């Protein structure tokens, strides 16, 4: 909830010059993408899908299994058809995944289509790491608060690799995900927790 509220608060200020210290920040809407007051960005929209997948999973909310990742992939694709906001790298991955799915006779892409598309995007733009997976990693760790840390890391990487495969992005997502997990479990903020 806090991440969604923060995202909605910041959405109208995204892609804008810094706000002067004298100006109040509020859920005003507007901005470059003409957000409604309280509307969040692609980061929250995609994180919600990850949370829904963990709740819908019949295997104990495990995001590491293909069925959960297929659910995420289908829902991200469906969401992408009507959103005004999607990161450049993620958009490329979604389009390529949709093309791969159609070649295989499927309307919506599956996790394997997303992974192939993410690998392809990385090959085309090897220096482009992107931050999309980092912005939604908090959703990947929630089902693993009581599980071994290794399970959380595997889930973070599995969801991350659906759109972002640059090693820096994966490493940053794991480090931030473990910091979020540690903060929730202990009440202590330690961004170096995963080092």
Protein backbone atom coordinates (compact mmCIF):
# COMPACT_ATOMS: atom_id res chain seq x y z
CA UNK A 1 0.00 0.00 0.00
CA UNK A 2 2.81 2.40 0.86
CA UNK A 3 4.59 1.73 -2.42
CA UNK A 4 1.36 2.28 -4.39
CA UNK A 5 0.62 5.50 -2.51
CA UNK A 6 4.16 6.78 -3.04
CA UNK A 7 3.99 5.91 -6.72
CA UNK A 8 0.65 7.73 -7.10
CA UNK A 9 2.03 10.73 -5.25
CA UNK A 10 5.07 10.90 -7.53
CA UNK A 11 3.37 10.07 -10.84
CA UNK A 12 2.53 13.65 -11.90
CA UNK A 13 6.08 14.77 -11.11
CA UNK A 14 7.70 12.01 -13.18
CA UNK A 15 9.86 13.21 -16.10
CA UNK A 16 9.64 16.79 -14.76
CA UNK A 17 12.37 19.08 -13.44
CA UNK A 18 12.96 18.99 -9.67
CA UNK A 19 10.21 20.54 -7.57
CA UNK A 20 11.36 23.61 -5.61
CA UNK A 21 11.61 23.07 -1.84
CA UNK A 22 8.99 25.76 -1.32
CA UNK A 23 6.34 23.88 -3.32
CA UNK A 24 4.03 21.39 -1.64
CA UNK A 25 3.84 17.86 -3.04
CA UNK A 26 0.32 16.52 -3.35
CA UNK A 27 -1.73 13.96 -5.30
CA UNK A 28 -2.61 16.53 -7.92
CA UNK A 29 -2.71 14.38 -11.02
CA UNK A 30 -1.56 15.75 -14.34
CA UNK A 31 2.06 15.63 -15.38
CA UNK A 32 3.50 14.46 -18.68
CA UNK A 33 1.07 11.53 -18.92
CA UNK A 34 -1.93 13.44 -17.55
CA UNK A 35 -2.47 11.19 -14.53
CA UNK A 36 -5.70 11.28 -12.54
CA UNK A 37 -5.18 12.37 -8.92
CA UNK A 38 -4.13 9.25 -7.00
CA UNK A 39 -3.36 7.19 -10.14
CA UNK A 40 -0.20 5.11 -9.97
CA UNK A 41 2.28 4.24 -12.74
CA UNK A 42 3.27 1.08 -14.54
CA UNK A 43 5.49 0.11 -11.62
CA UNK A 44 2.55 -0.41 -9.27
CA UNK A 45 0.30 -1.86 -11.97
CA UNK A 46 2.89 -4.55 -12.72
CA UNK A 47 3.61 -5.18 -9.02
CA UNK A 48 -0.10 -5.81 -8.39
CA UNK A 49 -0.03 -8.54 -11.03
CA UNK A 50 2.88 -10.22 -9.22
CA UNK A 51 0.94 -10.09 -5.95
CA UNK A 52 -2.16 -11.51 -7.64
CA UNK A 53 -0.10 -14.34 -9.13
CA UNK A 54 1.23 -15.28 -5.71
CA UNK A 55 -2.31 -15.33 -4.32
CA UNK A 56 -3.67 -17.33 -7.26
CA UNK A 57 -0.90 -19.95 -7.21
CA UNK A 58 -2.16 -23.36 -6.17
CA UNK A 59 1.31 -24.38 -5.02
CA UNK A 60 1.67 -22.30 -1.90
CA UNK A 61 2.03 -18.91 -3.60
CA UNK A 62 5.30 -19.88 -5.25
CA UNK A 63 6.34 -17.40 -7.95
CA UNK A 64 9.14 -19.71 -9.02
CA UNK A 65 6.81 -22.15 -10.77
CA UNK A 66 5.91 -21.79 -14.42
CA UNK A 67 2.16 -21.55 -13.82
CA UNK A 68 2.61 -18.45 -11.65
CA UNK A 69 4.96 -16.89 -14.18
CA UNK A 70 2.51 -17.70 -16.99
CA UNK A 71 -0.20 -15.90 -15.00
CA UNK A 72 2.06 -12.85 -14.60
CA UNK A 73 2.93 -12.86 -18.29
CA UNK A 74 -0.70 -13.06 -19.45
CA UNK A 75 -1.81 -10.32 -17.08
CA UNK A 76 1.09 -8.02 -17.95
CA UNK A 77 0.26 -8.46 -21.61
CA UNK A 78 -3.44 -7.76 -21.02
CA UNK A 79 -2.61 -4.68 -18.96
CA UNK A 80 -0.15 -3.43 -21.59
CA UNK A 81 -2.91 -3.18 -24.20
CA UNK A 82 -4.52 -0.23 -22.47
CA UNK A 83 -1.83 1.54 -20.48
CA UNK A 84 -0.41 4.95 -21.34
CA UNK A 85 2.73 4.22 -19.33
CA UNK A 86 5.20 1.42 -19.86
CA UNK A 87 8.99 1.55 -19.77
CA UNK A 88 10.87 1.36 -23.06
CA UNK A 89 12.64 -1.94 -22.36
CA UNK A 90 9.55 -3.56 -20.85
CA UNK A 91 7.45 -2.39 -23.79
CA UNK A 92 9.88 -3.98 -26.24
CA UNK A 93 9.80 -7.24 -24.28
CA UNK A 94 5.99 -7.31 -24.17
CA UNK A 95 5.68 -6.67 -27.93
CA UNK A 96 8.24 -9.34 -28.80
CA UNK A 97 6.65 -11.83 -26.38
CA UNK A 98 3.25 -11.22 -27.98
CA UNK A 99 4.71 -11.83 -31.44
CA UNK A 100 6.32 -15.08 -30.25
CA UNK A 101 3.04 -16.23 -28.72
CA UNK A 102 1.12 -15.61 -31.96
CA UNK A 103 3.70 -17.59 -33.92
CA UNK A 104 3.02 -20.49 -31.52
CA UNK A 105 -0.74 -20.08 -31.97
CA UNK A 106 -1.43 -18.42 -28.62
CA UNK A 107 -3.30 -15.17 -28.11
CA UNK A 108 -1.43 -14.16 -24.97
CA UNK A 109 2.26 -14.67 -24.26
CA UNK A 110 3.48 -17.16 -21.69
CA UNK A 111 6.45 -16.91 -19.38
CA UNK A 112 8.71 -18.65 -21.87
CA UNK A 113 7.80 -16.03 -24.49
CA UNK A 114 8.66 -13.24 -22.05
CA UNK A 115 12.00 -14.83 -21.14
CA UNK A 116 12.97 -15.27 -24.80
CA UNK A 117 11.89 -11.68 -25.53
CA UNK A 118 13.88 -10.36 -22.55
CA UNK A 119 16.98 -12.21 -23.75
CA UNK A 120 16.45 -10.80 -27.25
CA UNK A 121 16.07 -7.24 -25.93
CA UNK A 122 19.28 -7.64 -23.96
CA UNK A 123 21.13 -8.90 -27.04
CA UNK A 124 19.90 -5.90 -29.05
CA UNK A 125 20.68 -3.37 -26.30
CA UNK A 126 23.31 -4.99 -24.05
CA UNK A 127 24.08 -1.72 -22.24
CA UNK A 128 20.43 -1.07 -21.36
CA UNK A 129 19.75 -2.46 -17.91
CA UNK A 130 16.41 -0.79 -17.19
CA UNK A 131 14.86 -0.34 -13.76
CA UNK A 132 11.40 -1.87 -14.25
CA UNK A 133 12.05 -5.08 -12.36
CA UNK A 134 13.67 -3.15 -9.52
CA UNK A 135 10.56 -0.99 -9.17
CA UNK A 136 8.31 -4.00 -8.55
CA UNK A 137 10.66 -6.35 -6.68
CA UNK A 138 8.96 -5.64 -3.34
CA UNK A 139 5.98 -7.65 -4.60
CA UNK A 140 8.20 -10.64 -5.36
CA UNK A 141 9.49 -10.98 -1.78
CA UNK A 142 6.20 -10.78 0.11
CA UNK A 143 5.28 -14.47 -0.34
CA UNK A 144 8.73 -15.43 1.01
CA UNK A 145 8.87 -13.54 4.30
CA UNK A 146 8.79 -16.80 6.28
CA UNK A 147 10.70 -18.90 3.75
CA UNK A 148 14.44 -19.40 3.51
CA UNK A 149 16.27 -16.46 1.95
CA UNK A 150 17.32 -18.65 -0.99
CA UNK A 151 13.66 -19.13 -1.94
CA UNK A 152 13.14 -15.36 -1.97
CA UNK A 153 16.23 -14.86 -4.14
CA UNK A 154 15.06 -17.50 -6.63
CA UNK A 155 11.63 -15.85 -6.85
CA UNK A 156 13.12 -12.38 -7.33
CA UNK A 157 15.33 -13.64 -10.15
CA UNK A 158 12.50 -15.61 -11.80
CA UNK A 159 10.16 -12.60 -11.92
CA UNK A 160 12.98 -10.22 -12.87
CA UNK A 161 14.04 -12.37 -15.83
CA UNK A 162 10.58 -12.10 -17.37
CA UNK A 163 11.50 -8.59 -18.53
CA UNK A 164 15.05 -7.70 -17.46
CA UNK A 165 18.10 -9.94 -17.81
CA UNK A 166 21.00 -7.51 -17.54
CA UNK A 167 23.21 -8.83 -14.71
CA UNK A 168 23.29 -5.42 -13.02
CA UNK A 169 19.50 -5.28 -12.95
CA UNK A 170 19.19 -8.79 -11.55
CA UNK A 171 21.80 -8.09 -8.88
CA UNK A 172 20.19 -4.76 -7.92
CA UNK A 173 16.77 -6.43 -7.73
CA UNK A 174 18.08 -9.18 -5.45
CA UNK A 175 19.84 -6.68 -3.17
CA UNK A 176 16.81 -4.39 -2.92
CA UNK A 177 14.41 -7.32 -2.52
CA UNK A 178 16.45 -8.71 0.38
CA UNK A 179 16.58 -5.25 1.97
CA UNK A 180 12.80 -4.96 1.72
CA UNK A 181 12.36 -8.47 3.13
CA UNK A 182 14.71 -7.70 6.02
CA UNK A 183 12.92 -4.43 6.81
CA UNK A 184 9.54 -6.14 6.93
CA UNK A 185 10.79 -9.03 9.03
CA UNK A 186 12.83 -6.99 11.53
CA UNK A 187 11.65 -3.37 11.32
CA UNK A 188 15.25 -2.43 10.52
CA UNK A 189 16.31 -0.68 7.33
CA UNK A 190 19.61 -2.10 6.06
CA UNK A 191 20.15 -1.75 2.32
CA UNK A 192 23.38 -3.75 2.64
CA UNK A 193 21.54 -6.80 3.97
CA UNK A 194 22.05 -8.86 0.82
CA UNK A 195 25.71 -8.07 0.19
